[in-house]
ModelCIF file with pLDDT and N, C-alpha, C, O atoms, coordinates in Angstrom:
data_MODEL
#
_entry.id   MODEL 
#
_entity.id                         1 
_entity.type                       polymer 
_entity.pdbx_number_of_molecules   1 
#
_entity_poly.entity_id                      1 
_entity_poly.type                           'polypeptide(L)' 
_entity_poly.nstd_linkage                   no 
_entity_poly.nstd_monomer                   no 
_entity_poly.pdbx_seq_one_letter_code       
;(UNK)(UNK)(UNK)(UNK)(UNK)(UNK)(UNK)(UNK)(UNK)(UNK)(UNK)(UNK)(UNK)(UNK)(UNK)(UNK)
(UNK)(UNK)(UNK)(UNK)(UNK)(UNK)(UNK)(UNK)(UNK)(UNK)(UNK)(UNK)(UNK)(UNK)(UNK)(UNK)
(UNK)(UNK)(UNK)(UNK)(UNK)(UNK)(UNK)(UNK)(UNK)(UNK)(UNK)(UNK)
;
_entity_poly.pdbx_seq_one_letter_code_can   XXXXXXXXXXXXXXXXXXXXXXXXXXXXXXXXXXXXXXXXXXXX 
_entity_poly.pdbx_strand_id                 A 
#
loop_
_entity_poly_seq.entity_id 
_entity_poly_seq.num 
_entity_poly_seq.mon_id 
_entity_poly_seq.hetero 
1 1  UNK n 
1 2  UNK n 
1 3  UNK n 
1 4  UNK n 
1 5  UNK n 
1 6  UNK n 
1 7  UNK n 
1 8  UNK n 
1 9  UNK n 
1 10 UNK n 
1 11 UNK n 
1 12 UNK n 
1 13 UNK n 
1 14 UNK n 
1 15 UNK n 
1 16 UNK n 
1 17 UNK n 
1 18 UNK n 
1 19 UNK n 
1 20 UNK n 
1 21 UNK n 
1 22 UNK n 
1 23 UNK n 
1 24 UNK n 
1 25 UNK n 
1 26 UNK n 
1 27 UNK n 
1 28 UNK n 
1 29 UNK n 
1 30 UNK n 
1 31 UNK n 
1 32 UNK n 
1 33 UNK n 
1 34 UNK n 
1 35 UNK n 
1 36 UNK n 
1 37 UNK n 
1 38 UNK n 
1 39 UNK n 
1 40 UNK n 
1 41 UNK n 
1 42 UNK n 
1 43 UNK n 
1 44 UNK n 
#
_struct_asym.id          A 
_struct_asym.entity_id   1 
#
loop_
_ma_qa_metric.id 
_ma_qa_metric.mode 
_ma_qa_metric.name 
_ma_qa_metric.software_group_id 
_ma_qa_metric.type 
1 global pLDDT . pLDDT 
2 local  pLDDT . pLDDT 
#
_ma_qa_metric_global.metric_id      1 
_ma_qa_metric_global.metric_value   68.34 
_ma_qa_metric_global.model_id       1 
_ma_qa_metric_global.ordinal_id     1 
#
loop_
_ma_qa_metric_local.label_asym_id 
_ma_qa_metric_local.label_comp_id 
_ma_qa_metric_local.label_seq_id 
_ma_qa_metric_local.metric_id 
_ma_qa_metric_local.metric_value 
_ma_qa_metric_local.model_id 
_ma_qa_metric_local.ordinal_id 
A UNK 1  2 58.00 1 1  
A UNK 2  2 55.00 1 2  
A UNK 3  2 54.00 1 3  
A UNK 4  2 58.00 1 4  
A UNK 5  2 57.00 1 5  
A UNK 6  2 52.00 1 6  
A UNK 7  2 54.00 1 7  
A UNK 8  2 56.00 1 8  
A UNK 9  2 56.00 1 9  
A UNK 10 2 54.00 1 10 
A UNK 11 2 52.00 1 11 
A UNK 12 2 53.00 1 12 
A UNK 13 2 52.00 1 13 
A UNK 14 2 54.00 1 14 
A UNK 15 2 55.00 1 15 
A UNK 16 2 55.00 1 16 
A UNK 17 2 54.00 1 17 
A UNK 18 2 54.00 1 18 
A UNK 19 2 55.00 1 19 
A UNK 20 2 56.00 1 20 
A UNK 21 2 55.00 1 21 
A UNK 22 2 60.00 1 22 
A UNK 23 2 64.00 1 23 
A UNK 24 2 68.00 1 24 
A UNK 25 2 70.00 1 25 
A UNK 26 2 68.00 1 26 
A UNK 27 2 66.00 1 27 
A UNK 28 2 67.00 1 28 
A UNK 29 2 70.00 1 29 
A UNK 30 2 77.00 1 30 
A UNK 31 2 77.00 1 31 
A UNK 32 2 82.00 1 32 
A UNK 33 2 82.00 1 33 
A UNK 34 2 84.00 1 34 
A UNK 35 2 87.00 1 35 
A UNK 36 2 88.00 1 36 
A UNK 37 2 89.00 1 37 
A UNK 38 2 91.00 1 38 
A UNK 39 2 93.00 1 39 
A UNK 40 2 94.00 1 40 
A UNK 41 2 94.00 1 41 
A UNK 42 2 95.00 1 42 
A UNK 43 2 96.00 1 43 
A UNK 44 2 96.00 1 44 
#
loop_
_atom_site.group_PDB 
_atom_site.id 
_atom_site.type_symbol 
_atom_site.label_atom_id 
_atom_site.label_alt_id 
_atom_site.label_comp_id 
_atom_site.label_asym_id 
_atom_site.label_entity_id 
_atom_site.label_seq_id 
_atom_site.pdbx_PDB_ins_code 
_atom_site.Cartn_x 
_atom_site.Cartn_y 
_atom_site.Cartn_z 
_atom_site.occupancy 
_atom_site.B_iso_or_equiv 
_atom_site.pdbx_formal_charge 
_atom_site.auth_seq_id 
_atom_site.auth_comp_id 
_atom_site.auth_asym_id 
_atom_site.auth_atom_id 
_atom_site.pdbx_PDB_model_num 
ATOM 1   N N  . UNK A 1 1  ? -11.263 -0.379 -20.499 1.00 58.00 ? 1  UNK A N  1 
ATOM 2   C CA . UNK A 1 1  ? -9.916  -0.647 -21.052 1.00 58.00 ? 1  UNK A CA 1 
ATOM 3   C C  . UNK A 1 1  ? -9.138  0.591  -21.356 1.00 58.00 ? 1  UNK A C  1 
ATOM 4   O O  . UNK A 1 1  ? -7.925  0.610  -21.147 1.00 58.00 ? 1  UNK A O  1 
ATOM 5   N N  . UNK A 1 2  ? -9.778  1.638  -21.844 1.00 55.00 ? 2  UNK A N  1 
ATOM 6   C CA . UNK A 1 2  ? -9.164  2.924  -22.149 1.00 55.00 ? 2  UNK A CA 1 
ATOM 7   C C  . UNK A 1 2  ? -8.669  3.577  -20.800 1.00 55.00 ? 2  UNK A C  1 
ATOM 8   O O  . UNK A 1 2  ? -7.554  4.091  -20.705 1.00 55.00 ? 2  UNK A O  1 
ATOM 9   N N  . UNK A 1 3  ? -9.543  3.524  -19.806 1.00 54.00 ? 3  UNK A N  1 
ATOM 10  C CA . UNK A 1 3  ? -9.227  4.095  -18.493 1.00 54.00 ? 3  UNK A CA 1 
ATOM 11  C C  . UNK A 1 3  ? -7.999  3.379  -17.898 1.00 54.00 ? 3  UNK A C  1 
ATOM 12  O O  . UNK A 1 3  ? -7.063  4.011  -17.409 1.00 54.00 ? 3  UNK A O  1 
ATOM 13  N N  . UNK A 1 4  ? -8.041  2.050  -17.960 1.00 58.00 ? 4  UNK A N  1 
ATOM 14  C CA . UNK A 1 4  ? -6.881  1.266  -17.403 1.00 58.00 ? 4  UNK A CA 1 
ATOM 15  C C  . UNK A 1 4  ? -5.624  1.584  -18.188 1.00 58.00 ? 4  UNK A C  1 
ATOM 16  O O  . UNK A 1 4  ? -4.548  1.616  -17.591 1.00 58.00 ? 4  UNK A O  1 
ATOM 17  N N  . UNK A 1 5  ? -5.691  1.813  -19.445 1.00 57.00 ? 5  UNK A N  1 
ATOM 18  C CA . UNK A 1 5  ? -4.501  2.142  -20.202 1.00 57.00 ? 5  UNK A CA 1 
ATOM 19  C C  . UNK A 1 5  ? -3.959  3.523  -19.808 1.00 57.00 ? 5  UNK A C  1 
ATOM 20  O O  . UNK A 1 5  ? -2.749  3.700  -19.667 1.00 57.00 ? 5  UNK A O  1 
ATOM 21  N N  . UNK A 1 6  ? -4.839  4.476  -19.635 1.00 52.00 ? 6  UNK A N  1 
ATOM 22  C CA . UNK A 1 6  ? -4.433  5.797  -19.261 1.00 52.00 ? 6  UNK A CA 1 
ATOM 23  C C  . UNK A 1 6  ? -3.783  5.758  -17.867 1.00 52.00 ? 6  UNK A C  1 
ATOM 24  O O  . UNK A 1 6  ? -2.714  6.332  -17.662 1.00 52.00 ? 6  UNK A O  1 
ATOM 25  N N  . UNK A 1 7  ? -4.431  5.081  -16.917 1.00 54.00 ? 7  UNK A N  1 
ATOM 26  C CA . UNK A 1 7  ? -3.862  5.017  -15.597 1.00 54.00 ? 7  UNK A CA 1 
ATOM 27  C C  . UNK A 1 7  ? -2.567  4.268  -15.510 1.00 54.00 ? 7  UNK A C  1 
ATOM 28  O O  . UNK A 1 7  ? -1.672  4.635  -14.747 1.00 54.00 ? 7  UNK A O  1 
ATOM 29  N N  . UNK A 1 8  ? -2.460  3.193  -16.307 1.00 56.00 ? 8  UNK A N  1 
ATOM 30  C CA . UNK A 1 8  ? -1.171  2.376  -16.270 1.00 56.00 ? 8  UNK A CA 1 
ATOM 31  C C  . UNK A 1 8  ? -0.023  3.207  -16.859 1.00 56.00 ? 8  UNK A C  1 
ATOM 32  O O  . UNK A 1 8  ? 1.106   3.077  -16.386 1.00 56.00 ? 8  UNK A O  1 
ATOM 33  N N  . UNK A 1 9  ? -0.256  4.038  -17.850 1.00 56.00 ? 9  UNK A N  1 
ATOM 34  C CA . UNK A 1 9  ? 0.835   4.741  -18.450 1.00 56.00 ? 9  UNK A CA 1 
ATOM 35  C C  . UNK A 1 9  ? 0.982   6.181  -17.860 1.00 56.00 ? 9  UNK A C  1 
ATOM 36  O O  . UNK A 1 9  ? 2.056   6.779  -17.935 1.00 56.00 ? 9  UNK A O  1 
ATOM 37  N N  . UNK A 1 10 ? -0.077  6.696  -17.295 1.00 54.00 ? 10 UNK A N  1 
ATOM 38  C CA . UNK A 1 10 ? 0.016   8.121  -16.839 1.00 54.00 ? 10 UNK A CA 1 
ATOM 39  C C  . UNK A 1 10 ? 0.399   8.248  -15.407 1.00 54.00 ? 10 UNK A C  1 
ATOM 40  O O  . UNK A 1 10 ? 0.900   9.303  -15.018 1.00 54.00 ? 10 UNK A O  1 
ATOM 41  N N  . UNK A 1 11 ? 0.202   7.257  -14.597 1.00 52.00 ? 11 UNK A N  1 
ATOM 42  C CA . UNK A 1 11 ? 0.519   7.335  -13.138 1.00 52.00 ? 11 UNK A CA 1 
ATOM 43  C C  . UNK A 1 11 ? 1.928   6.825  -12.877 1.00 52.00 ? 11 UNK A C  1 
ATOM 44  O O  . UNK A 1 11 ? 2.311   5.770  -13.382 1.00 52.00 ? 11 UNK A O  1 
ATOM 45  N N  . UNK A 1 12 ? 2.645   7.514  -12.149 1.00 53.00 ? 12 UNK A N  1 
ATOM 46  C CA . UNK A 1 12 ? 3.992   7.092  -11.790 1.00 53.00 ? 12 UNK A CA 1 
ATOM 47  C C  . UNK A 1 12 ? 5.048   7.396  -12.766 1.00 53.00 ? 12 UNK A C  1 
ATOM 48  O O  . UNK A 1 12 ? 6.227   7.224  -12.456 1.00 53.00 ? 12 UNK A O  1 
ATOM 49  N N  . UNK A 1 13 ? 4.698   7.849  -13.961 1.00 52.00 ? 13 UNK A N  1 
ATOM 50  C CA . UNK A 1 13 ? 5.721   8.162  -14.946 1.00 52.00 ? 13 UNK A CA 1 
ATOM 51  C C  . UNK A 1 13 ? 6.101   9.618  -14.713 1.00 52.00 ? 13 UNK A C  1 
ATOM 52  O O  . UNK A 1 13 ? 5.216   10.463 -14.575 1.00 52.00 ? 13 UNK A O  1 
ATOM 53  N N  . UNK A 1 14 ? 7.386   9.935  -14.665 1.00 54.00 ? 14 UNK A N  1 
ATOM 54  C CA . UNK A 1 14 ? 7.801   11.285 -14.430 1.00 54.00 ? 14 UNK A CA 1 
ATOM 55  C C  . UNK A 1 14 ? 7.476   12.188 -15.632 1.00 54.00 ? 14 UNK A C  1 
ATOM 56  O O  . UNK A 1 14 ? 7.583   11.764 -16.782 1.00 54.00 ? 14 UNK A O  1 
ATOM 57  N N  . UNK A 1 15 ? 7.099   13.368 -15.364 1.00 55.00 ? 15 UNK A N  1 
ATOM 58  C CA . UNK A 1 15 ? 6.826   14.336 -16.379 1.00 55.00 ? 15 UNK A CA 1 
ATOM 59  C C  . UNK A 1 15 ? 8.180   14.785 -17.028 1.00 55.00 ? 15 UNK A C  1 
ATOM 60  O O  . UNK A 1 15 ? 9.217   14.831 -16.365 1.00 55.00 ? 15 UNK A O  1 
ATOM 61  N N  . UNK A 1 16 ? 8.127   15.088 -18.250 1.00 55.00 ? 16 UNK A N  1 
ATOM 62  C CA . UNK A 1 16 ? 9.327   15.537 -18.906 1.00 55.00 ? 16 UNK A CA 1 
ATOM 63  C C  . UNK A 1 16 ? 9.539   17.053 -18.619 1.00 55.00 ? 16 UNK A C  1 
ATOM 64  O O  . UNK A 1 16 ? 8.908   17.923 -19.218 1.00 55.00 ? 16 UNK A O  1 
ATOM 65  N N  . UNK A 1 17 ? 10.448  17.303 -17.684 1.00 54.00 ? 17 UNK A N  1 
ATOM 66  C CA . UNK A 1 17 ? 10.737  18.696 -17.258 1.00 54.00 ? 17 UNK A CA 1 
ATOM 67  C C  . UNK A 1 17 ? 12.068  19.165 -17.725 1.00 54.00 ? 17 UNK A C  1 
ATOM 68  O O  . UNK A 1 17 ? 12.414  20.330 -17.531 1.00 54.00 ? 17 UNK A O  1 
ATOM 69  N N  . UNK A 1 18 ? 12.813  18.320 -18.324 1.00 54.00 ? 18 UNK A N  1 
ATOM 70  C CA . UNK A 1 18 ? 14.196  18.696 -18.708 1.00 54.00 ? 18 UNK A CA 1 
ATOM 71  C C  . UNK A 1 18 ? 15.192  18.409 -17.632 1.00 54.00 ? 18 UNK A C  1 
ATOM 72  O O  . UNK A 1 18 ? 16.394  18.338 -17.890 1.00 54.00 ? 18 UNK A O  1 
ATOM 73  N N  . UNK A 1 19 ? 14.700  18.239 -16.401 1.00 55.00 ? 19 UNK A N  1 
ATOM 74  C CA . UNK A 1 19 ? 15.601  17.976 -15.226 1.00 55.00 ? 19 UNK A CA 1 
ATOM 75  C C  . UNK A 1 19 ? 15.734  16.492 -15.046 1.00 55.00 ? 19 UNK A C  1 
ATOM 76  O O  . UNK A 1 19 ? 14.942  15.728 -15.597 1.00 55.00 ? 19 UNK A O  1 
ATOM 77  N N  . UNK A 1 20 ? 16.634  16.102 -14.349 1.00 56.00 ? 20 UNK A N  1 
ATOM 78  C CA . UNK A 1 20 ? 16.809  14.668 -14.061 1.00 56.00 ? 20 UNK A CA 1 
ATOM 79  C C  . UNK A 1 20 ? 15.766  14.299 -13.010 1.00 56.00 ? 20 UNK A C  1 
ATOM 80  O O  . UNK A 1 20 ? 15.969  14.572 -11.826 1.00 56.00 ? 20 UNK A O  1 
ATOM 81  N N  . UNK A 1 21 ? 14.671  13.695 -13.410 1.00 55.00 ? 21 UNK A N  1 
ATOM 82  C CA . UNK A 1 21 ? 13.623  13.315 -12.514 1.00 55.00 ? 21 UNK A CA 1 
ATOM 83  C C  . UNK A 1 21 ? 13.724  11.914 -11.994 1.00 55.00 ? 21 UNK A C  1 
ATOM 84  O O  . UNK A 1 21 ? 12.818  11.449 -11.303 1.00 55.00 ? 21 UNK A O  1 
ATOM 85  N N  . UNK A 1 22 ? 14.753  11.251 -12.290 1.00 60.00 ? 22 UNK A N  1 
ATOM 86  C CA . UNK A 1 22 ? 14.920  9.837  -11.810 1.00 60.00 ? 22 UNK A CA 1 
ATOM 87  C C  . UNK A 1 22 ? 15.096  9.892  -10.299 1.00 60.00 ? 22 UNK A C  1 
ATOM 88  O O  . UNK A 1 22 ? 15.739  10.798 -9.769  1.00 60.00 ? 22 UNK A O  1 
ATOM 89  N N  . UNK A 1 23 ? 14.532  8.936  -9.630  1.00 64.00 ? 23 UNK A N  1 
ATOM 90  C CA . UNK A 1 23 ? 14.667  8.783  -8.217  1.00 64.00 ? 23 UNK A CA 1 
ATOM 91  C C  . UNK A 1 23 ? 15.685  7.680  -7.960  1.00 64.00 ? 23 UNK A C  1 
ATOM 92  O O  . UNK A 1 23 ? 15.448  6.538  -8.353  1.00 64.00 ? 23 UNK A O  1 
ATOM 93  N N  . UNK A 1 24 ? 16.762  7.967  -7.342  1.00 68.00 ? 24 UNK A N  1 
ATOM 94  C CA . UNK A 1 24 ? 17.726  6.944  -7.032  1.00 68.00 ? 24 UNK A CA 1 
ATOM 95  C C  . UNK A 1 24 ? 17.920  6.822  -5.498  1.00 68.00 ? 24 UNK A C  1 
ATOM 96  O O  . UNK A 1 24 ? 17.691  7.764  -4.739  1.00 68.00 ? 24 UNK A O  1 
ATOM 97  N N  . UNK A 1 25 ? 18.317  5.711  -5.122  1.00 70.00 ? 25 UNK A N  1 
ATOM 98  C CA . UNK A 1 25 ? 18.630  5.510  -3.667  1.00 70.00 ? 25 UNK A CA 1 
ATOM 99  C C  . UNK A 1 25 ? 19.980  6.195  -3.360  1.00 70.00 ? 25 UNK A C  1 
ATOM 100 O O  . UNK A 1 25 ? 20.965  5.991  -4.070  1.00 70.00 ? 25 UNK A O  1 
ATOM 101 N N  . UNK A 1 26 ? 20.002  6.982  -2.326  1.00 68.00 ? 26 UNK A N  1 
ATOM 102 C CA . UNK A 1 26 ? 21.295  7.637  -2.001  1.00 68.00 ? 26 UNK A CA 1 
ATOM 103 C C  . UNK A 1 26 ? 22.323  6.595  -1.585  1.00 68.00 ? 26 UNK A C  1 
ATOM 104 O O  . UNK A 1 26 ? 21.981  5.529  -1.071  1.00 68.00 ? 26 UNK A O  1 
ATOM 105 N N  . UNK A 1 27 ? 23.570  6.920  -1.814  1.00 66.00 ? 27 UNK A N  1 
ATOM 106 C CA . UNK A 1 27 ? 24.607  5.987  -1.375  1.00 66.00 ? 27 UNK A CA 1 
ATOM 107 C C  . UNK A 1 27 ? 24.551  5.821  0.096   1.00 66.00 ? 27 UNK A C  1 
ATOM 108 O O  . UNK A 1 27 ? 24.076  6.707  0.806   1.00 66.00 ? 27 UNK A O  1 
ATOM 109 N N  . UNK A 1 28 ? 25.040  4.669  0.594   1.00 67.00 ? 28 UNK A N  1 
ATOM 110 C CA . UNK A 1 28 ? 24.968  4.472  2.056   1.00 67.00 ? 28 UNK A CA 1 
ATOM 111 C C  . UNK A 1 28 ? 25.829  5.587  2.765   1.00 67.00 ? 28 UNK A C  1 
ATOM 112 O O  . UNK A 1 28 ? 26.917  5.969  2.334   1.00 67.00 ? 28 UNK A O  1 
ATOM 113 N N  . UNK A 1 29 ? 25.266  6.025  3.807   1.00 70.00 ? 29 UNK A N  1 
ATOM 114 C CA . UNK A 1 29 ? 25.948  7.061  4.600   1.00 70.00 ? 29 UNK A CA 1 
ATOM 115 C C  . UNK A 1 29 ? 27.194  6.516  5.259   1.00 70.00 ? 29 UNK A C  1 
ATOM 116 O O  . UNK A 1 29 ? 27.225  5.391  5.757   1.00 70.00 ? 29 UNK A O  1 
ATOM 117 N N  . UNK A 1 30 ? 28.203  7.334  5.247   1.00 77.00 ? 30 UNK A N  1 
ATOM 118 C CA . UNK A 1 30 ? 29.395  6.979  6.008   1.00 77.00 ? 30 UNK A CA 1 
ATOM 119 C C  . UNK A 1 30 ? 29.155  7.295  7.458   1.00 77.00 ? 30 UNK A C  1 
ATOM 120 O O  . UNK A 1 30 ? 28.359  8.182  7.767   1.00 77.00 ? 30 UNK A O  1 
ATOM 121 N N  . UNK A 1 31 ? 29.812  6.605  8.352   1.00 77.00 ? 31 UNK A N  1 
ATOM 122 C CA . UNK A 1 31 ? 29.565  6.840  9.725   1.00 77.00 ? 31 UNK A CA 1 
ATOM 123 C C  . UNK A 1 31 ? 30.094  8.203  10.108  1.00 77.00 ? 31 UNK A C  1 
ATOM 124 O O  . UNK A 1 31 ? 31.193  8.593  9.711   1.00 77.00 ? 31 UNK A O  1 
ATOM 125 N N  . UNK A 1 32 ? 29.291  8.935  10.894  1.00 82.00 ? 32 UNK A N  1 
ATOM 126 C CA . UNK A 1 32 ? 29.697  10.325 11.279  1.00 82.00 ? 32 UNK A CA 1 
ATOM 127 C C  . UNK A 1 32 ? 30.923  10.247 12.135  1.00 82.00 ? 32 UNK A C  1 
ATOM 128 O O  . UNK A 1 32 ? 31.231  9.228  12.753  1.00 82.00 ? 32 UNK A O  1 
ATOM 129 N N  . UNK A 1 33 ? 31.634  11.397 12.150  1.00 82.00 ? 33 UNK A N  1 
ATOM 130 C CA . UNK A 1 33 ? 32.787  11.540 12.993  1.00 82.00 ? 33 UNK A CA 1 
ATOM 131 C C  . UNK A 1 33 ? 32.347  11.401 14.430  1.00 82.00 ? 33 UNK A C  1 
ATOM 132 O O  . UNK A 1 33 ? 31.251  11.814 14.810  1.00 82.00 ? 33 UNK A O  1 
ATOM 133 N N  . UNK A 1 34 ? 33.220  10.811 15.219  1.00 84.00 ? 34 UNK A N  1 
ATOM 134 C CA . UNK A 1 34 ? 32.812  10.746 16.713  1.00 84.00 ? 34 UNK A CA 1 
ATOM 135 C C  . UNK A 1 34 ? 32.766  12.143 17.276  1.00 84.00 ? 34 UNK A C  1 
ATOM 136 O O  . UNK A 1 34 ? 33.487  13.033 16.824  1.00 84.00 ? 34 UNK A O  1 
ATOM 137 N N  . UNK A 1 35 ? 31.917  12.332 18.260  1.00 87.00 ? 35 UNK A N  1 
ATOM 138 C CA . UNK A 1 35 ? 31.782  13.642 18.873  1.00 87.00 ? 35 UNK A CA 1 
ATOM 139 C C  . UNK A 1 35 ? 33.093  14.055 19.545  1.00 87.00 ? 35 UNK A C  1 
ATOM 140 O O  . UNK A 1 35 ? 33.859  13.222 20.028  1.00 87.00 ? 35 UNK A O  1 
ATOM 141 N N  . UNK A 1 36 ? 33.322  15.368 19.558  1.00 88.00 ? 36 UNK A N  1 
ATOM 142 C CA . UNK A 1 36 ? 34.501  15.890 20.168  1.00 88.00 ? 36 UNK A CA 1 
ATOM 143 C C  . UNK A 1 36 ? 34.449  15.680 21.700  1.00 88.00 ? 36 UNK A C  1 
ATOM 144 O O  . UNK A 1 36 ? 33.373  15.741 22.294  1.00 88.00 ? 36 UNK A O  1 
ATOM 145 N N  . UNK A 1 37 ? 35.581  15.442 22.317  1.00 89.00 ? 37 UNK A N  1 
ATOM 146 C CA . UNK A 1 37 ? 35.582  15.276 23.735  1.00 89.00 ? 37 UNK A CA 1 
ATOM 147 C C  . UNK A 1 37 ? 35.043  16.539 24.434  1.00 89.00 ? 37 UNK A C  1 
ATOM 148 O O  . UNK A 1 37 ? 35.216  17.634 23.898  1.00 89.00 ? 37 UNK A O  1 
ATOM 149 N N  . UNK A 1 38 ? 34.423  16.433 25.563  1.00 91.00 ? 38 UNK A N  1 
ATOM 150 C CA . UNK A 1 38 ? 33.853  17.634 26.214  1.00 91.00 ? 38 UNK A CA 1 
ATOM 151 C C  . UNK A 1 38 ? 34.873  18.698 26.551  1.00 91.00 ? 38 UNK A C  1 
ATOM 152 O O  . UNK A 1 38 ? 34.544  19.884 26.524  1.00 91.00 ? 38 UNK A O  1 
ATOM 153 N N  . UNK A 1 39 ? 36.126  18.309 26.875  1.00 93.00 ? 39 UNK A N  1 
ATOM 154 C CA . UNK A 1 39 ? 37.090  19.364 27.164  1.00 93.00 ? 39 UNK A CA 1 
ATOM 155 C C  . UNK A 1 39 ? 37.494  20.150 25.939  1.00 93.00 ? 39 UNK A C  1 
ATOM 156 O O  . UNK A 1 39 ? 37.933  21.295 26.045  1.00 93.00 ? 39 UNK A O  1 
ATOM 157 N N  . UNK A 1 40 ? 37.345  19.519 24.737  1.00 94.00 ? 40 UNK A N  1 
ATOM 158 C CA . UNK A 1 40 ? 37.653  20.291 23.471  1.00 94.00 ? 40 UNK A CA 1 
ATOM 159 C C  . UNK A 1 40 ? 36.528  21.324 23.276  1.00 94.00 ? 40 UNK A C  1 
ATOM 160 O O  . UNK A 1 40 ? 36.785  22.481 22.944  1.00 94.00 ? 40 UNK A O  1 
ATOM 161 N N  . UNK A 1 41 ? 35.289  20.886 23.488  1.00 94.00 ? 41 UNK A N  1 
ATOM 162 C CA . UNK A 1 41 ? 34.167  21.821 23.292  1.00 94.00 ? 41 UNK A CA 1 
ATOM 163 C C  . UNK A 1 41 ? 34.219  22.903 24.299  1.00 94.00 ? 41 UNK A C  1 
ATOM 164 O O  . UNK A 1 41 ? 33.999  24.066 23.961  1.00 94.00 ? 41 UNK A O  1 
ATOM 165 N N  . UNK A 1 42 ? 34.498  22.582 25.511  1.00 95.00 ? 42 UNK A N  1 
ATOM 166 C CA . UNK A 1 42 ? 34.676  23.583 26.604  1.00 95.00 ? 42 UNK A CA 1 
ATOM 167 C C  . UNK A 1 42 ? 35.740  24.597 26.202  1.00 95.00 ? 42 UNK A C  1 
ATOM 168 O O  . UNK A 1 42 ? 35.536  25.805 26.318  1.00 95.00 ? 42 UNK A O  1 
ATOM 169 N N  . UNK A 1 43 ? 36.833  24.113 25.746  1.00 96.00 ? 43 UNK A N  1 
ATOM 170 C CA . UNK A 1 43 ? 37.987  25.020 25.344  1.00 96.00 ? 43 UNK A CA 1 
ATOM 171 C C  . UNK A 1 43 ? 37.554  25.959 24.297  1.00 96.00 ? 43 UNK A C  1 
ATOM 172 O O  . UNK A 1 43 ? 37.855  27.151 24.375  1.00 96.00 ? 43 UNK A O  1 
ATOM 173 N N  . UNK A 1 44 ? 36.840  25.469 23.290  1.00 96.00 ? 44 UNK A N  1 
ATOM 174 C CA . UNK A 1 44 ? 36.418  26.316 22.167  1.00 96.00 ? 44 UNK A CA 1 
ATOM 175 C C  . UNK A 1 44 ? 35.469  27.390 22.633  1.00 96.00 ? 44 UNK A C  1 
ATOM 176 O O  . UNK A 1 44 ? 35.008  28.199 21.828  1.00 96.00 ? 44 UNK A O  1 
#
């Protein structure tokens, strides 16, 4: 029982480091800009 209690509370809980340790899902990525036409890249 003691071991189960330690494992249940000790595993997966972030350590207190003073930093924001929360894990959040990043916002959905916006679609990237379309690639430049080859003649634009050639020109550059």
